[in-house]
Amino acid sequence: MAQPMGETVTITADGRRLEVAADVTVAAALLDADALAFRTSVRGEPRAPLCGMGICYECRVTIDGVPHRRACLVPVADGMTVVTGTGGGR
């Protein structure tokens, strides 16, 4: 059973407005919004978080214009803009 959401913030991810829990990381928010990939490899393969603690670098996204941010380490903030490297994030 889903837990009721407490305080929320609004972020924009690949052009989609998302209302997400205020106490989660960008990676958690994207995964909860059904993002299947956060970027593509140099060979064009979809990549998504693997370790969840910043070691694997598979969750890199652009946050508020700053590229290569590790989504699993950055907490969401109201008004944040996230761009994945997948051409849509889904």
N, C-alpha and C. Protein backbone atom coordinates (compact mmCIF):
# COMPACT_ATOMS: atom_id res chain seq x y z
N MET A 1 0.84 -1.18 0.00
CA MET A 1 0.00 0.00 0.00
C MET A 1 0.88 1.24 0.00
N ALA A 2 0.61 2.18 -0.89
CA ALA A 2 1.39 3.41 -0.99
C ALA A 2 1.20 4.27 0.25
N GLN A 3 2.29 4.87 0.68
CA GLN A 3 2.24 5.78 1.83
C GLN A 3 1.77 7.15 1.36
N PRO A 4 0.98 7.86 2.18
CA PRO A 4 0.58 9.20 1.78
C PRO A 4 1.81 10.11 1.72
N MET A 5 1.82 10.98 0.72
CA MET A 5 2.96 11.86 0.53
C MET A 5 2.85 13.03 1.50
N GLY A 6 3.97 13.38 2.13
CA GLY A 6 4.03 14.54 3.02
C GLY A 6 4.22 15.79 2.18
N GLU A 7 5.16 16.62 2.59
CA GLU A 7 5.46 17.84 1.86
C GLU A 7 5.98 17.50 0.47
N THR A 8 5.57 18.28 -0.52
CA THR A 8 5.99 18.03 -1.90
C THR A 8 6.63 19.28 -2.50
N VAL A 9 7.38 19.06 -3.57
CA VAL A 9 7.94 20.15 -4.37
C VAL A 9 7.62 19.83 -5.83
N THR A 10 7.72 20.84 -6.67
CA THR A 10 7.49 20.64 -8.10
C THR A 10 8.81 20.81 -8.83
N ILE A 11 9.15 19.80 -9.64
CA ILE A 11 10.34 19.87 -10.48
C ILE A 11 9.89 19.66 -11.92
N THR A 12 10.74 20.03 -12.85
CA THR A 12 10.49 19.77 -14.26
C THR A 12 11.56 18.80 -14.73
N ALA A 13 11.14 17.69 -15.29
CA ALA A 13 12.07 16.67 -15.78
C ALA A 13 11.76 16.39 -17.24
N ASP A 14 12.71 16.70 -18.10
CA ASP A 14 12.53 16.52 -19.54
C ASP A 14 11.22 17.14 -20.01
N GLY A 15 10.92 18.33 -19.49
CA GLY A 15 9.73 19.06 -19.91
C GLY A 15 8.45 18.68 -19.18
N ARG A 16 8.49 17.65 -18.36
CA ARG A 16 7.30 17.22 -17.60
C ARG A 16 7.34 17.81 -16.20
N ARG A 17 6.24 18.42 -15.79
CA ARG A 17 6.13 18.91 -14.41
C ARG A 17 5.78 17.73 -13.52
N LEU A 18 6.56 17.56 -12.46
CA LEU A 18 6.35 16.45 -11.53
C LEU A 18 6.21 16.99 -10.12
N GLU A 19 5.21 16.54 -9.42
CA GLU A 19 5.09 16.85 -8.00
C GLU A 19 5.66 15.65 -7.25
N VAL A 20 6.72 15.89 -6.49
CA VAL A 20 7.46 14.80 -5.85
C VAL A 20 7.62 15.08 -4.36
N ALA A 21 7.88 14.04 -3.60
CA ALA A 21 8.14 14.19 -2.18
C ALA A 21 9.36 15.10 -1.99
N ALA A 22 9.29 15.97 -1.01
CA ALA A 22 10.35 16.96 -0.80
C ALA A 22 11.62 16.36 -0.23
N ASP A 23 11.56 15.15 0.27
CA ASP A 23 12.72 14.58 0.97
C ASP A 23 13.37 13.43 0.21
N VAL A 24 13.33 13.49 -1.13
CA VAL A 24 13.94 12.43 -1.94
C VAL A 24 15.01 13.00 -2.84
N THR A 25 15.82 12.12 -3.41
CA THR A 25 16.83 12.54 -4.38
C THR A 25 16.20 12.68 -5.76
N VAL A 26 16.94 13.32 -6.64
CA VAL A 26 16.49 13.45 -8.02
C VAL A 26 16.31 12.06 -8.64
N ALA A 27 17.23 11.15 -8.36
CA ALA A 27 17.11 9.79 -8.91
C ALA A 27 15.82 9.12 -8.45
N ALA A 28 15.51 9.23 -7.18
CA ALA A 28 14.28 8.61 -6.66
C ALA A 28 13.06 9.24 -7.31
N ALA A 29 13.07 10.55 -7.48
CA ALA A 29 11.94 11.23 -8.11
C ALA A 29 11.76 10.77 -9.55
N LEU A 30 12.86 10.66 -10.29
CA LEU A 30 12.77 10.22 -11.69
C LEU A 30 12.30 8.77 -11.79
N LEU A 31 12.84 7.93 -10.95
CA LEU A 31 12.41 6.52 -10.98
C LEU A 31 10.94 6.38 -10.61
N ASP A 32 10.50 7.18 -9.64
CA ASP A 32 9.09 7.15 -9.24
C ASP A 32 8.18 7.64 -10.38
N ALA A 33 8.73 8.48 -11.25
CA ALA A 33 7.97 8.99 -12.40
C ALA A 33 8.13 8.08 -13.62
N ASP A 34 8.62 6.87 -13.40
CA ASP A 34 8.76 5.85 -14.45
C ASP A 34 9.85 6.12 -15.47
N ALA A 35 10.87 6.89 -15.11
CA ALA A 35 12.02 7.06 -16.01
C ALA A 35 12.77 5.73 -16.05
N LEU A 36 12.98 5.21 -17.22
CA LEU A 36 13.66 3.93 -17.37
C LEU A 36 15.15 4.10 -17.63
N ALA A 37 15.55 5.28 -18.09
CA ALA A 37 16.96 5.56 -18.34
C ALA A 37 17.21 7.03 -18.04
N PHE A 38 18.42 7.32 -17.58
CA PHE A 38 18.79 8.70 -17.24
C PHE A 38 19.74 9.29 -18.28
N ARG A 39 20.43 8.43 -19.01
CA ARG A 39 21.39 8.87 -20.01
C ARG A 39 21.62 7.70 -20.95
N THR A 40 22.40 7.93 -21.98
CA THR A 40 22.81 6.84 -22.86
C THR A 40 24.33 6.73 -22.84
N SER A 41 24.82 5.54 -23.01
CA SER A 41 26.27 5.31 -23.04
C SER A 41 26.82 5.81 -24.36
N VAL A 42 28.13 5.79 -24.49
CA VAL A 42 28.75 6.22 -25.75
C VAL A 42 28.35 5.31 -26.90
N ARG A 43 27.89 4.11 -26.60
CA ARG A 43 27.41 3.19 -27.65
C ARG A 43 25.90 3.29 -27.85
N GLY A 44 25.25 4.23 -27.13
CA GLY A 44 23.83 4.44 -27.30
C GLY A 44 22.93 3.57 -26.42
N GLU A 45 23.52 2.88 -25.46
CA GLU A 45 22.74 2.02 -24.57
C GLU A 45 22.11 2.83 -23.44
N PRO A 46 20.87 2.54 -23.07
CA PRO A 46 20.24 3.26 -21.96
C PRO A 46 20.94 2.93 -20.63
N ARG A 47 21.12 3.95 -19.80
CA ARG A 47 21.77 3.77 -18.50
C ARG A 47 20.88 4.36 -17.42
N ALA A 48 20.89 3.74 -16.26
CA ALA A 48 20.10 4.19 -15.11
C ALA A 48 20.91 3.94 -13.84
N PRO A 49 20.46 4.45 -12.71
CA PRO A 49 21.20 4.26 -11.46
C PRO A 49 21.47 2.79 -11.19
N LEU A 50 22.67 2.53 -10.73
CA LEU A 50 23.07 1.17 -10.40
C LEU A 50 23.36 1.06 -8.90
N CYS A 51 24.23 1.94 -8.40
CA CYS A 51 24.67 1.81 -7.00
C CYS A 51 23.81 2.62 -6.04
N GLY A 52 23.27 3.74 -6.46
CA GLY A 52 22.45 4.58 -5.59
C GLY A 52 23.24 5.36 -4.56
N MET A 53 24.58 5.38 -4.68
CA MET A 53 25.38 6.12 -3.70
C MET A 53 26.51 6.92 -4.33
N GLY A 54 26.43 7.17 -5.61
CA GLY A 54 27.36 8.06 -6.27
C GLY A 54 28.65 7.47 -6.78
N ILE A 55 28.81 6.18 -6.72
CA ILE A 55 30.07 5.56 -7.15
C ILE A 55 30.06 5.19 -8.63
N CYS A 56 28.93 4.75 -9.15
CA CYS A 56 28.90 4.22 -10.52
C CYS A 56 28.76 5.29 -11.61
N TYR A 57 28.27 6.46 -11.28
CA TYR A 57 28.09 7.56 -12.23
C TYR A 57 27.08 7.26 -13.34
N GLU A 58 26.28 6.26 -13.20
CA GLU A 58 25.29 5.91 -14.23
C GLU A 58 24.06 6.81 -14.20
N CYS A 59 23.89 7.58 -13.14
CA CYS A 59 22.68 8.40 -12.98
C CYS A 59 22.91 9.86 -13.35
N ARG A 60 23.97 10.15 -14.11
CA ARG A 60 24.28 11.55 -14.44
C ARG A 60 23.19 12.20 -15.28
N VAL A 61 22.81 13.40 -14.85
CA VAL A 61 21.80 14.21 -15.54
C VAL A 61 22.26 15.67 -15.48
N THR A 62 21.56 16.53 -16.19
CA THR A 62 21.80 17.97 -16.10
C THR A 62 20.76 18.54 -15.16
N ILE A 63 21.22 19.24 -14.13
CA ILE A 63 20.32 19.83 -13.14
C ILE A 63 20.54 21.34 -13.13
N ASP A 64 19.47 22.07 -13.42
CA ASP A 64 19.52 23.54 -13.48
C ASP A 64 20.70 24.02 -14.32
N GLY A 65 20.90 23.37 -15.47
CA GLY A 65 21.92 23.77 -16.42
C GLY A 65 23.32 23.24 -16.15
N VAL A 66 23.52 22.53 -15.04
CA VAL A 66 24.84 21.99 -14.71
C VAL A 66 24.88 20.52 -15.12
N PRO A 67 25.69 20.17 -16.12
CA PRO A 67 25.73 18.79 -16.59
C PRO A 67 26.49 17.86 -15.65
N HIS A 68 26.27 16.58 -15.84
CA HIS A 68 27.00 15.50 -15.16
C HIS A 68 26.80 15.48 -13.64
N ARG A 69 25.63 15.93 -13.18
CA ARG A 69 25.32 15.83 -11.76
C ARG A 69 24.83 14.42 -11.48
N ARG A 70 25.25 13.84 -10.39
CA ARG A 70 24.81 12.50 -10.02
C ARG A 70 23.46 12.61 -9.30
N ALA A 71 22.41 12.15 -9.98
CA ALA A 71 21.04 12.30 -9.50
C ALA A 71 20.80 11.61 -8.16
N CYS A 72 21.57 10.58 -7.87
CA CYS A 72 21.36 9.86 -6.61
C CYS A 72 21.90 10.61 -5.41
N LEU A 73 22.68 11.67 -5.63
CA LEU A 73 23.26 12.44 -4.53
C LEU A 73 22.61 13.79 -4.32
N VAL A 74 21.76 14.22 -5.25
CA VAL A 74 21.19 15.57 -5.20
C VAL A 74 19.73 15.51 -4.72
N PRO A 75 19.42 16.18 -3.61
CA PRO A 75 18.02 16.23 -3.19
C PRO A 75 17.21 17.14 -4.10
N VAL A 76 15.95 16.83 -4.29
CA VAL A 76 15.09 17.68 -5.11
C VAL A 76 14.89 19.03 -4.42
N ALA A 77 14.61 20.04 -5.23
CA ALA A 77 14.30 21.37 -4.72
C ALA A 77 13.18 21.95 -5.58
N ASP A 78 12.32 22.73 -4.96
CA ASP A 78 11.20 23.30 -5.68
C ASP A 78 11.71 24.16 -6.85
N GLY A 79 11.14 23.93 -8.03
CA GLY A 79 11.51 24.68 -9.23
C GLY A 79 12.70 24.13 -9.99
N MET A 80 13.29 23.06 -9.52
CA MET A 80 14.46 22.44 -10.16
C MET A 80 14.10 21.95 -11.56
N THR A 81 15.05 22.11 -12.49
CA THR A 81 14.88 21.60 -13.85
C THR A 81 15.92 20.49 -14.09
N VAL A 82 15.44 19.34 -14.51
CA VAL A 82 16.29 18.18 -14.75
C VAL A 82 16.16 17.78 -16.21
N VAL A 83 17.30 17.55 -16.86
CA VAL A 83 17.30 17.06 -18.24
C VAL A 83 18.13 15.77 -18.26
N THR A 84 17.50 14.72 -18.71
CA THR A 84 18.25 13.47 -18.86
C THR A 84 18.89 13.45 -20.23
N GLY A 85 19.79 12.54 -20.45
CA GLY A 85 20.45 12.42 -21.75
C GLY A 85 19.81 11.39 -22.64
N THR A 86 18.52 11.13 -22.43
CA THR A 86 17.86 10.07 -23.19
C THR A 86 16.89 10.60 -24.23
N GLY A 87 16.81 11.90 -24.35
CA GLY A 87 15.88 12.46 -25.32
C GLY A 87 14.44 12.38 -24.86
N GLY A 88 14.22 12.33 -23.56
CA GLY A 88 12.85 12.28 -23.06
C GLY A 88 12.73 11.63 -21.72
N GLY A 89 13.72 10.83 -21.32
CA GLY A 89 13.72 10.26 -19.99
C GLY A 89 12.86 9.05 -19.78
N ARG A 90 12.16 8.58 -20.82
CA ARG A 90 11.28 7.43 -20.62
C ARG A 90 11.65 6.32 -21.55
